[in-house]
Amino acid sequence: TAPRIARYDLSWESLQLVNPRLIYVVLTGYGTRGPDNAMTAFDYSAFWSRSGIMSLIGEPDGPPMPCRPGQGDHATALNLLSGTLAALRLRDLTGEGQFVEVTLQRTGAWTIGADVATSLILEDQPPRIDRVQPGNPMFNSYETADGRWLMLVMPTGDRYWHPLCRALEQPQWSEDERFSSLMGRMEHTAELTGAMRTVFSSRTLAEWTPLLNAEALTWAPVAELPEVIHDPQMDAMNAWTEIDGPEGPFRTLNTPFDIAGADVGPRGPAPKTGQHTHEVLQELGLSDDELAELAASGALG
């Protein structure tokens, strides 16, 4: 928080005097300015709750839903990385240090930019997605006979309507004037959605998969994590890596992007607090005697 930065005299203004080429990066819940710059935060509070995301997630008449652990931290970390890389490039161009500031709250709002943009214009709360009466029945989730779920994602419904009717083996729907256009399907969404729920509940997810794929429809199963970690598509895209930990090698998530000809994966597990302090300070030019003096003073935890 801003008060803690000031308490230890670690502000951008003070450190820039020591090193004018410094890239100064600060990450907080809400920022170093504004009425709430002293508030502590986690991603659950600043990223998920106060950004507005939480108010949009869940059934229309149900309570708001919490996020998963670290969900906001990961997105915010990528913003932090982007800002830092841009600042390094700016320093290359100008020779001057840069101040980079990222907050959990702003990142949260950025991830729902489409909804936020609507609210900025209309000053209104976007409605939650109603699975029983969606705006477009072809952009909705459905339960299958084995209790699994799938998600149809076909906002340009007219293009996919007849292929969907074939996949669901409902040719009569193609001739039904109520459903012949996107506007018609939206107007009669309750009837069509109810009929689609009945049809989807008649087969298992495994049975629906080849039928939907045969018509090249845009859809996906609601995958569970044991399926995700064994998904051949994820394997093909280098989603996993193996790193050495204190108790031996283990499989973990890879960096979420690849760069041809470069190894950008994780080098090891997250370090312990202070694990690399001496190494970093030595890289900055401090001698062994200076490090010993800092340690004796209590400056190094």
Protein backbone atom coordinates (compact mmCIF):
# COMPACT_ATOMS: atom_id res chain seq x y z
CA THR A 1 0.00 0.00 0.00
CA ALA A 2 1.04 3.63 -0.44
CA PRO A 3 1.58 4.27 3.32
CA ARG A 4 3.96 1.30 3.57
CA ILE A 5 5.95 2.52 0.58
CA ALA A 6 6.25 5.93 2.24
CA ARG A 7 7.17 4.41 5.62
CA TYR A 8 10.27 2.77 4.17
CA ASP A 9 11.09 5.72 1.89
CA LEU A 10 10.83 3.52 -1.19
CA SER A 11 8.84 5.89 -3.38
CA TRP A 12 9.57 6.38 -7.06
CA GLU A 13 10.55 9.97 -6.38
CA SER A 14 13.21 9.06 -3.80
CA LEU A 15 14.69 6.06 -5.60
CA GLN A 16 14.84 7.84 -8.94
CA LEU A 17 17.28 10.31 -7.38
CA VAL A 18 19.63 7.41 -6.64
CA ASN A 19 19.24 5.76 -10.06
CA PRO A 20 17.64 7.88 -12.81
CA ARG A 21 17.48 4.81 -15.10
CA LEU A 22 15.50 2.77 -12.58
CA ILE A 23 12.47 0.81 -13.79
CA TYR A 24 10.22 1.12 -10.74
CA VAL A 25 7.32 -1.33 -10.66
CA VAL A 26 4.58 -1.27 -8.04
CA LEU A 27 1.63 -3.64 -7.69
CA THR A 28 -1.14 -3.01 -5.16
CA GLY A 29 -4.79 -3.81 -4.75
CA TYR A 30 -6.11 -0.33 -5.52
CA GLY A 31 -3.19 1.95 -6.35
CA THR A 32 -0.85 4.50 -4.80
CA ARG A 33 -3.29 7.37 -5.32
CA GLY A 34 -6.93 7.90 -4.48
CA PRO A 35 -9.01 7.63 -1.30
CA ASP A 36 -8.34 3.90 -0.83
CA ASN A 37 -4.61 3.75 -1.46
CA ALA A 38 -4.06 2.43 2.08
CA MET A 39 -6.47 -0.50 1.76
CA THR A 40 -5.03 -3.99 1.83
CA ALA A 41 -6.31 -6.46 -0.73
CA PHE A 42 -6.29 -9.93 -2.21
CA ASP A 43 -7.42 -10.85 -5.71
CA TYR A 44 -10.71 -12.08 -4.23
CA SER A 45 -11.48 -8.57 -2.98
CA ALA A 46 -9.88 -6.09 -5.38
CA PHE A 47 -9.76 -8.05 -8.64
CA TRP A 48 -12.91 -10.12 -8.37
CA SER A 49 -15.29 -8.32 -6.04
CA ARG A 50 -14.66 -4.59 -6.29
CA SER A 51 -13.84 -4.60 -9.99
CA GLY A 52 -17.43 -5.63 -10.73
CA ILE A 53 -16.71 -9.15 -12.00
CA MET A 54 -18.36 -10.89 -9.07
CA SER A 55 -21.63 -9.03 -9.54
CA LEU A 56 -21.94 -10.47 -13.07
CA ILE A 57 -21.21 -14.13 -12.32
CA GLY A 58 -23.92 -16.58 -11.27
CA GLU A 59 -27.55 -17.34 -11.99
CA PRO A 60 -29.81 -14.26 -12.30
CA ASP A 61 -31.56 -14.91 -8.97
CA GLY A 62 -28.61 -16.53 -7.20
CA PRO A 63 -25.80 -15.16 -5.07
CA PRO A 64 -22.60 -13.85 -6.64
CA MET A 65 -19.94 -16.51 -7.15
CA PRO A 66 -16.38 -16.40 -5.76
CA CYS A 67 -13.34 -16.78 -7.97
CA ARG A 68 -10.82 -19.59 -7.88
CA PRO A 69 -7.49 -19.26 -6.01
CA GLY A 70 -5.00 -17.03 -7.79
CA GLN A 71 -7.32 -16.29 -10.70
CA GLY A 72 -6.84 -12.54 -10.44
CA ASP A 73 -3.19 -12.79 -9.48
CA HIS A 74 -2.29 -14.58 -12.71
CA ALA A 75 -4.04 -12.06 -14.96
CA THR A 76 -2.52 -9.15 -13.02
CA ALA A 77 0.95 -10.69 -13.27
CA LEU A 78 0.69 -10.67 -17.07
CA ASN A 79 -0.26 -6.98 -16.93
CA LEU A 80 2.75 -6.41 -14.70
CA LEU A 81 4.99 -8.20 -17.18
CA SER A 82 3.59 -6.23 -20.12
CA GLY A 83 4.10 -2.92 -18.35
CA THR A 84 7.64 -3.81 -17.31
CA LEU A 85 8.64 -4.88 -20.83
CA ALA A 86 7.14 -1.69 -22.29
CA ALA A 87 9.04 0.38 -19.71
CA LEU A 88 12.32 -1.31 -20.62
CA ARG A 89 11.70 -0.48 -24.27
CA LEU A 90 10.89 3.13 -23.39
CA ARG A 91 14.14 3.37 -21.45
CA ASP A 92 16.01 2.07 -24.49
CA LEU A 93 14.44 4.88 -26.53
CA THR A 94 14.68 7.74 -24.01
CA GLY A 95 17.49 6.74 -21.64
CA GLU A 96 15.23 7.56 -18.71
CA GLY A 97 13.81 5.40 -15.96
CA GLN A 98 10.12 4.61 -15.87
CA PHE A 99 7.37 4.25 -13.25
CA VAL A 100 5.06 1.27 -13.83
CA GLU A 101 1.92 0.84 -11.73
CA VAL A 102 -0.55 -2.05 -11.90
CA THR A 103 -3.52 -2.77 -9.64
CA LEU A 104 -5.67 -5.80 -9.05
CA GLN A 105 -8.84 -3.70 -9.32
CA ARG A 106 -7.98 -2.14 -12.69
CA THR A 107 -6.94 -5.50 -14.10
CA GLY A 108 -10.24 -7.00 -13.01
CA ALA A 109 -12.20 -4.26 -14.77
CA TRP A 110 -10.01 -4.69 -17.86
CA THR A 111 -10.87 -8.40 -18.12
CA ILE A 112 -14.57 -7.53 -18.38
CA GLY A 113 -13.93 -4.63 -20.72
CA ALA A 114 -16.97 -5.34 -22.91
CA ASP A 115 -19.32 -5.06 -19.92
CA VAL A 116 -17.50 -2.05 -18.50
CA ALA A 117 -17.67 -0.25 -21.85
CA THR A 118 -21.43 -0.80 -21.89
CA SER A 119 -21.80 0.58 -18.38
CA LEU A 120 -19.68 3.62 -19.21
CA ILE A 121 -22.17 4.51 -21.94
CA LEU A 122 -25.47 3.42 -20.35
CA GLU A 123 -24.50 3.78 -16.67
CA ASP A 124 -26.40 0.58 -15.99
CA GLN A 125 -25.60 -2.91 -14.71
CA PRO A 126 -25.41 -5.54 -17.48
CA PRO A 127 -27.71 -8.47 -16.71
CA ARG A 128 -26.36 -11.83 -15.71
CA ILE A 129 -26.61 -14.59 -18.28
CA ASP A 130 -29.93 -16.42 -17.96
CA ARG A 131 -29.41 -20.04 -18.92
CA VAL A 132 -33.17 -20.76 -19.02
CA GLN A 133 -34.02 -17.79 -21.24
CA PRO A 134 -30.76 -16.73 -22.89
CA GLY A 135 -30.66 -13.97 -25.45
CA ASN A 136 -29.51 -16.55 -27.99
CA PRO A 137 -30.26 -20.27 -27.35
CA MET A 138 -27.23 -21.12 -29.50
CA PHE A 139 -24.99 -19.26 -27.05
CA ASN A 140 -25.75 -21.23 -23.91
CA SER A 141 -24.79 -24.23 -21.77
CA TYR A 142 -26.74 -27.50 -21.73
CA GLU A 143 -26.70 -30.59 -19.53
CA THR A 144 -26.30 -34.02 -21.11
CA ALA A 145 -27.74 -37.39 -20.08
CA ASP A 146 -24.73 -38.30 -17.93
CA GLY A 147 -24.81 -35.09 -15.90
CA ARG A 148 -22.05 -33.42 -17.91
CA TRP A 149 -22.33 -29.99 -19.51
CA LEU A 150 -21.41 -28.49 -22.86
CA MET A 151 -21.24 -24.92 -24.07
CA LEU A 152 -22.55 -23.77 -27.45
CA VAL A 153 -20.89 -20.59 -28.70
CA MET A 154 -22.56 -19.50 -31.92
CA PRO A 155 -23.42 -15.79 -31.68
CA THR A 156 -23.83 -15.60 -35.48
CA GLY A 157 -26.68 -18.04 -35.21
CA ASP A 158 -28.06 -17.96 -38.77
CA ARG A 159 -24.86 -19.44 -40.16
CA TYR A 160 -25.00 -22.42 -37.79
CA TRP A 161 -28.74 -22.92 -37.40
CA HIS A 162 -29.31 -25.59 -40.04
CA PRO A 163 -26.11 -27.52 -39.15
CA LEU A 164 -27.21 -27.48 -35.50
CA CYS A 165 -30.63 -28.84 -36.43
CA ARG A 166 -28.90 -31.67 -38.28
CA ALA A 167 -26.58 -32.41 -35.36
CA LEU A 168 -29.51 -32.52 -32.95
CA GLU A 169 -31.50 -34.61 -35.42
CA GLN A 170 -34.36 -32.12 -35.36
CA PRO A 171 -34.99 -31.32 -39.06
CA GLN A 172 -38.45 -29.92 -38.29
CA TRP A 173 -36.85 -26.99 -36.47
CA SER A 174 -35.29 -25.83 -39.74
CA GLU A 175 -38.78 -25.40 -41.20
CA ASP A 176 -40.30 -23.74 -38.12
CA GLU A 177 -40.89 -20.06 -38.90
CA ARG A 178 -40.48 -19.14 -35.23
CA PHE A 179 -36.84 -20.21 -35.35
CA SER A 180 -35.92 -19.33 -38.94
CA SER A 181 -33.93 -16.20 -38.01
CA LEU A 182 -31.78 -15.00 -35.15
CA MET A 183 -34.43 -12.47 -34.14
CA GLY A 184 -37.08 -15.18 -34.20
CA ARG A 185 -35.00 -17.47 -32.01
CA MET A 186 -34.38 -14.62 -29.60
CA GLU A 187 -38.10 -13.82 -29.47
CA HIS A 188 -38.99 -17.47 -28.81
CA THR A 189 -35.94 -18.21 -26.69
CA ALA A 190 -37.81 -19.88 -23.81
CA GLU A 191 -39.52 -22.37 -26.13
CA LEU A 192 -36.43 -23.18 -28.16
CA THR A 193 -34.11 -23.36 -25.16
CA GLY A 194 -36.50 -25.72 -23.40
CA ALA A 195 -36.65 -27.96 -26.46
CA MET A 196 -32.87 -27.94 -26.79
CA ARG A 197 -32.45 -28.81 -23.11
CA THR A 198 -34.71 -31.82 -23.62
CA VAL A 199 -32.80 -32.98 -26.69
CA PHE A 200 -29.37 -32.57 -25.11
CA SER A 201 -30.51 -34.51 -22.04
CA SER A 202 -31.23 -37.54 -24.25
CA ARG A 203 -27.57 -38.39 -24.97
CA THR A 204 -24.30 -38.42 -23.07
CA LEU A 205 -21.51 -35.94 -23.67
CA ALA A 206 -19.47 -38.65 -25.40
CA GLU A 207 -22.38 -39.34 -27.74
CA TRP A 208 -22.90 -35.66 -28.57
CA THR A 209 -19.23 -34.99 -29.31
CA PRO A 210 -19.03 -36.64 -32.78
CA LEU A 211 -22.46 -35.32 -33.79
CA LEU A 212 -21.55 -31.71 -33.03
CA ASN A 213 -18.08 -32.02 -34.53
CA ALA A 214 -19.43 -33.55 -37.74
CA GLU A 215 -21.26 -30.26 -38.44
CA ALA A 216 -18.19 -28.13 -37.53
CA LEU A 217 -20.15 -26.33 -34.81
CA THR A 218 -18.45 -24.01 -32.33
CA TRP A 219 -18.82 -25.63 -28.95
CA ALA A 220 -16.80 -27.12 -26.10
CA PRO A 221 -17.34 -29.55 -23.26
CA VAL A 222 -17.30 -28.12 -19.75
CA ALA A 223 -14.06 -29.92 -18.98
CA GLU A 224 -13.05 -31.02 -15.52
CA LEU A 225 -9.43 -30.57 -14.47
CA PRO A 226 -8.47 -34.27 -14.63
CA GLU A 227 -9.54 -34.08 -18.29
CA VAL A 228 -7.67 -30.83 -18.90
CA ILE A 229 -4.35 -32.12 -17.61
CA HIS A 230 -4.59 -35.12 -19.95
CA ASP A 231 -6.00 -33.21 -22.94
CA PRO A 232 -3.92 -34.10 -26.03
CA GLN A 233 -4.55 -30.61 -27.39
CA MET A 234 -2.92 -29.09 -24.31
CA ASP A 235 -0.04 -31.55 -24.67
CA ALA A 236 0.44 -30.56 -28.30
CA MET A 237 0.60 -26.88 -27.35
CA ASN A 238 3.30 -27.34 -24.72
CA ALA A 239 1.01 -26.46 -21.82
CA TRP A 240 2.96 -28.47 -19.25
CA THR A 241 6.56 -28.69 -18.12
CA GLU A 242 8.60 -30.49 -15.51
CA ILE A 243 10.79 -28.66 -13.01
CA ASP A 244 13.01 -29.75 -10.15
CA GLY A 245 11.75 -29.07 -6.65
CA PRO A 246 13.17 -29.72 -3.17
CA GLU A 247 11.61 -33.20 -3.18
CA GLY A 248 12.36 -34.05 -6.80
CA PRO A 249 10.94 -33.23 -10.24
CA PHE A 250 7.25 -32.49 -10.68
CA ARG A 251 4.87 -31.60 -13.52
CA THR A 252 3.42 -28.10 -13.58
CA LEU A 253 1.95 -25.43 -15.84
CA ASN A 254 4.25 -23.98 -18.44
CA THR A 255 4.48 -20.30 -19.33
CA PRO A 256 1.25 -19.51 -21.25
CA PHE A 257 3.04 -18.58 -24.47
CA ASP A 258 5.82 -19.94 -26.69
CA ILE A 259 8.55 -18.05 -28.53
CA ALA A 260 10.18 -19.90 -31.38
CA GLY A 261 13.83 -20.61 -30.67
CA ALA A 262 13.71 -19.55 -27.03
CA ASP A 263 13.08 -21.35 -23.76
CA VAL A 264 10.65 -19.14 -21.85
CA GLY A 265 9.43 -21.79 -19.42
CA PRO A 266 9.80 -21.66 -15.63
CA ARG A 267 13.30 -22.32 -14.31
CA GLY A 268 12.18 -23.79 -11.01
CA PRO A 269 9.67 -23.52 -8.16
CA ALA A 270 8.83 -20.20 -6.52
CA PRO A 271 11.77 -19.10 -4.34
CA LYS A 272 11.56 -18.85 -0.60
CA THR A 273 11.46 -15.36 0.91
CA GLY A 274 14.94 -13.88 0.64
CA GLN A 275 16.37 -16.95 -1.10
CA HIS A 276 18.15 -14.93 -3.80
CA THR A 277 18.80 -11.70 -1.88
CA HIS A 278 22.57 -12.14 -1.74
CA GLU A 279 22.79 -13.15 -5.41
CA VAL A 280 20.79 -10.12 -6.56
CA LEU A 281 22.78 -7.68 -4.41
CA GLN A 282 26.04 -9.18 -5.65
CA GLU A 283 24.86 -8.63 -9.23
CA LEU A 284 24.29 -4.99 -8.26
CA GLY A 285 27.94 -4.73 -7.18
CA LEU A 286 27.84 -5.13 -3.39
CA SER A 287 30.87 -6.83 -1.86
CA ASP A 288 30.85 -9.66 0.66
CA ASP A 289 31.79 -7.21 3.41
CA GLU A 290 28.90 -4.91 2.49
CA LEU A 291 26.49 -7.84 2.47
CA ALA A 292 27.73 -8.96 5.87
CA GLU A 293 27.23 -5.44 7.20
CA LEU A 294 23.67 -5.32 5.87
CA ALA A 295 22.91 -8.72 7.39
CA ALA A 296 24.31 -7.65 10.76
CA SER A 297 22.15 -4.52 10.72
CA GLY A 298 19.00 -6.56 10.21
CA ALA A 299 18.31 -5.07 6.79
CA LEU A 300 18.39 -8.52 5.19
CA GLY A 301 15.62 -10.77 6.47
